[in-house]
Every structure is written in C-alpha cells, then in structure tokens.
Amino acid sequence: MSKLKKKNLTKELAEELDAFDNMLSALVELLEEKGVLTQEELEDKIRDKIRKAKGLRKYREIQFSSE
C-alpha cells in the first residue's frame, strides 16, 4: 500500500473515531442531564465489559483472519 493511501486511510479512521467520540460524549452528557447515568457508572460499566471480553475472539479477528 502506498504511503499516500495509508496516510489517507489513517486520516479517515481518525476522523471517524473523532465523530464517534463526539456522539458518545453527547449521549453521556444527555444521560447525565436526565439523571439516568453518571460518568462513574458509565466508566464502571465500560471496565466491566472490557474485563468480560478479555480472552474472547473478536469479530475483527474472525473476519480478517488468514484462515
């Protein structure tokens, strides 16, 4: 893959991640404002999900495996 294509792909991925970050932040703020969820509760939930997912095969691993 050429350096230009790789750079463009990296830039596109970074822009998508920024958009997802903004969407998630807005959602969390809205849930906090409505008293549905606190930042601490969200962080606890995320840590729990990460802990449970350790050792499991990820969809991307299956999709992009060379098997």
Protein backbone atom coordinates (compact mmCIF):
# COMPACT_ATOMS: atom_id res chain seq x y z
CA MET A 1 0.00 0.00 0.00
CA SER A 2 1.43 3.39 -0.91
CA LYS A 3 2.30 5.88 1.81
CA LEU A 4 -0.32 8.33 0.50
CA LYS A 5 -3.11 5.74 0.60
CA LYS A 6 -2.05 4.64 4.07
CA LYS A 7 -1.94 8.25 5.27
CA ASN A 8 -5.41 8.93 3.82
CA LEU A 9 -6.81 5.78 5.42
CA THR A 10 -5.30 6.74 8.77
CA LYS A 11 -6.80 10.23 8.47
CA GLU A 12 -10.24 8.80 7.60
CA LEU A 13 -10.12 6.41 10.56
CA ALA A 14 -9.07 9.23 12.90
CA GLU A 15 -11.95 11.40 11.65
CA GLU A 16 -14.43 8.56 12.19
CA LEU A 17 -13.09 7.96 15.70
CA ASP A 18 -13.46 11.68 16.45
CA ALA A 19 -17.07 11.57 15.24
CA PHE A 20 -17.84 8.51 17.40
CA ASP A 21 -16.17 10.19 20.37
CA ASN A 22 -18.34 13.28 19.90
CA MET A 23 -21.50 11.19 19.58
CA LEU A 24 -20.70 9.14 22.66
CA SER A 25 -19.84 12.25 24.68
CA ALA A 26 -23.11 13.91 23.69
CA LEU A 27 -25.07 10.79 24.63
CA VAL A 28 -23.36 10.52 28.03
CA GLU A 29 -23.97 14.22 28.72
CA LEU A 30 -27.63 13.82 27.84
CA LEU A 31 -27.99 10.77 30.10
CA GLU A 32 -26.25 12.66 32.92
CA GLU A 33 -28.52 15.70 32.48
CA LYS A 34 -31.59 13.47 32.67
CA GLY A 35 -30.27 11.71 35.76
CA VAL A 36 -30.18 8.33 34.04
CA LEU A 37 -26.45 7.67 34.29
CA THR A 38 -23.39 9.22 35.92
CA GLN A 39 -19.90 9.33 34.45
CA GLU A 40 -18.74 6.98 37.20
CA GLU A 41 -21.47 4.44 36.38
CA LEU A 42 -20.51 4.58 32.71
CA GLU A 43 -16.83 4.04 33.48
CA ASP A 44 -17.68 1.11 35.77
CA LYS A 45 -19.83 -0.43 33.02
CA ILE A 46 -17.06 0.00 30.44
CA ARG A 47 -14.44 -1.57 32.75
CA ASP A 48 -16.80 -4.50 33.38
CA LYS A 49 -17.38 -5.04 29.65
CA ILE A 50 -13.64 -4.92 28.93
CA ARG A 51 -12.92 -7.40 31.73
CA LYS A 52 -15.59 -9.80 30.44
CA ALA A 53 -14.34 -9.54 26.85
CA LYS A 54 -10.74 -10.48 27.68
CA GLY A 55 -9.85 -13.79 26.12
CA LEU A 56 -12.81 -13.82 23.74
CA ARG A 57 -12.25 -13.81 19.99
CA LYS A 58 -13.21 -10.51 18.44
CA TYR A 59 -15.34 -10.24 15.31
CA ARG A 60 -12.49 -8.44 13.51
CA GLU A 61 -10.13 -11.31 14.28
CA ILE A 62 -12.54 -13.76 12.68
CA GLN A 63 -13.37 -11.50 9.74
CA PHE A 64 -9.76 -10.67 8.84
CA SER A 65 -8.06 -13.93 9.78
CA SER A 66 -5.95 -15.54 7.09
CA GLU A 67 -7.56 -18.94 7.60
